Amino acid sequence: MPKGTTPDGDQSVRPADLERAGVWLARHGLADVRPTPLLATRLAARRRTRLAADFLLAAFIITVALIYTVNRPSGAAVDGPGPYRRARPSAAWPQTSAWPSTPSAGPTESWRRQG
């Protein structure tokens, strides 16, 4: 057997993989070339790798969604993300506005008062 070739009777390759390799060759303009067991094995490995990567990505997204769902605050609903969020009034709170009627003294108002 010459160097770099494989025997024609390689039984480790599934016939479905050889068919897929033939389709792959035809898609790339090589319809007259016969698929080799090495090409069929490499394409099958690429397909399995892509499938594993897709599965891991889906598992990661589902895990993050579950963690977010489990760690949600059970009390009051929240208006939005970040440090500027405010809790929405619930039944336990008085039914008045959640915000004070007069604006609170922010950093600029307190600075003006000092000077």
Protein backbone atom coordinates (compact mmCIF):
# COMPACT_ATOMS: atom_id res chain seq x y z
CA MET A 1 0.00 0.00 0.00
CA PRO A 2 1.53 3.38 -1.00
CA LYS A 3 2.27 5.96 1.63
CA GLY A 4 -0.70 8.23 2.53
CA THR A 5 -3.46 5.98 1.17
CA THR A 6 -6.05 3.92 2.96
CA PRO A 7 -7.34 0.49 1.99
CA ASP A 8 -10.57 0.48 -0.04
CA GLY A 9 -12.23 -2.04 2.24
CA ASP A 10 -12.19 0.13 5.37
CA GLN A 11 -15.14 -1.17 7.40
CA SER A 12 -14.88 1.43 10.21
CA VAL A 13 -16.77 4.04 8.15
CA ARG A 14 -20.55 3.91 8.10
CA PRO A 15 -22.24 3.91 4.67
CA ALA A 16 -24.33 6.93 5.69
CA ASP A 17 -21.12 8.89 6.35
CA LEU A 18 -19.82 7.93 2.90
CA GLU A 19 -23.07 9.15 1.34
CA ARG A 20 -22.81 12.46 3.20
CA ALA A 21 -19.21 12.80 2.01
CA GLY A 22 -20.39 12.24 -1.56
CA VAL A 23 -23.04 14.94 -1.15
CA TRP A 24 -20.41 17.27 0.32
CA LEU A 25 -18.10 16.66 -2.64
CA ALA A 26 -20.96 17.30 -5.08
CA ARG A 27 -21.82 20.59 -3.32
CA HIS A 28 -18.21 21.70 -3.76
CA GLY A 29 -18.15 20.93 -7.48
CA LEU A 30 -16.40 17.55 -7.18
CA ALA A 31 -19.25 15.25 -8.11
CA ASP A 32 -16.98 13.02 -10.21
CA VAL A 33 -14.62 12.32 -7.26
CA ARG A 34 -15.26 9.23 -5.16
CA PRO A 35 -15.57 9.92 -1.38
CA THR A 36 -12.79 8.38 0.70
CA PRO A 37 -13.18 6.88 4.16
CA LEU A 38 -10.84 9.54 5.55
CA LEU A 39 -13.04 12.35 4.20
CA ALA A 40 -16.17 10.65 5.52
CA THR A 41 -14.58 10.25 8.97
CA ARG A 42 -13.43 13.89 9.07
CA LEU A 43 -16.83 15.23 8.00
CA ALA A 44 -18.56 13.02 10.60
CA ALA A 45 -16.21 14.35 13.29
CA ARG A 46 -16.96 17.94 12.24
CA ARG A 47 -20.69 17.24 12.37
CA ARG A 48 -20.42 15.71 15.86
CA THR A 49 -18.32 18.65 17.06
CA ARG A 50 -20.88 21.16 15.75
CA LEU A 51 -23.68 19.22 17.41
CA ALA A 52 -21.81 19.16 20.74
CA ALA A 53 -21.13 22.91 20.54
CA ASP A 54 -24.80 23.62 19.82
CA PHE A 55 -25.86 21.42 22.71
CA LEU A 56 -23.44 23.12 25.13
CA LEU A 57 -24.63 26.57 24.06
CA ALA A 58 -28.26 25.58 24.59
CA ALA A 59 -27.43 24.08 28.00
CA PHE A 60 -25.60 27.29 28.98
CA ILE A 61 -28.54 29.50 27.98
CA ILE A 62 -31.03 27.29 29.83
CA THR A 63 -28.79 27.24 32.93
CA VAL A 64 -28.47 31.02 32.97
CA ALA A 65 -32.24 31.39 32.59
CA LEU A 66 -32.87 28.97 35.45
CA ILE A 67 -30.38 30.73 37.72
CA TYR A 68 -31.98 34.08 36.92
CA THR A 69 -35.43 32.67 37.61
CA VAL A 70 -34.45 31.06 40.91
CA ASN A 71 -32.63 34.17 42.17
CA ARG A 72 -35.44 36.64 41.39
CA PRO A 73 -36.64 38.62 44.38
CA SER A 74 -39.83 37.09 45.70
CA GLY A 75 -41.20 40.30 47.23
CA ALA A 76 -41.93 43.42 45.28
CA ALA A 77 -41.54 43.56 41.53
CA VAL A 78 -38.71 45.72 40.28
CA ASP A 79 -39.03 48.58 37.82
CA GLY A 80 -35.77 47.95 35.94
CA PRO A 81 -32.14 46.93 36.18
CA GLY A 82 -29.33 48.84 37.79
CA PRO A 83 -28.88 51.15 40.76
CA TYR A 84 -31.74 53.48 39.71
CA ARG A 85 -34.49 50.92 39.94
CA ARG A 86 -37.33 51.41 42.35
CA ALA A 87 -39.71 48.89 43.80
CA ARG A 88 -43.29 49.05 42.64
CA PRO A 89 -45.89 49.55 45.36
CA SER A 90 -47.44 46.35 46.64
CA ALA A 91 -50.55 45.72 48.72
CA ALA A 92 -48.60 46.21 51.97
CA TRP A 93 -47.52 49.75 51.01
CA PRO A 94 -49.78 52.77 51.33
CA GLN A 95 -51.48 53.66 48.07
CA THR A 96 -49.67 56.98 47.74
CA SER A 97 -46.97 57.85 45.28
CA ALA A 98 -43.72 55.94 45.71
CA TRP A 99 -41.78 59.14 45.11
CA PRO A 100 -41.70 62.07 47.56
CA SER A 101 -43.66 65.16 46.50
CA THR A 102 -40.61 67.41 46.75
CA PRO A 103 -37.38 66.46 45.06
CA SER A 104 -34.65 65.36 47.41
CA ALA A 105 -31.47 67.30 47.63
CA GLY A 106 -29.05 65.70 45.20
CA PRO A 107 -25.32 66.41 45.07
CA THR A 108 -25.77 69.73 43.25
CA GLU A 109 -28.38 71.09 45.67
CA SER A 110 -26.31 70.22 48.74
CA TRP A 111 -23.27 71.88 47.17
CA ARG A 112 -25.25 75.06 46.52
CA ARG A 113 -26.45 75.16 50.12
CA GLN A 114 -22.93 74.90 51.50
CA GLY A 115 -21.63 77.91 49.53
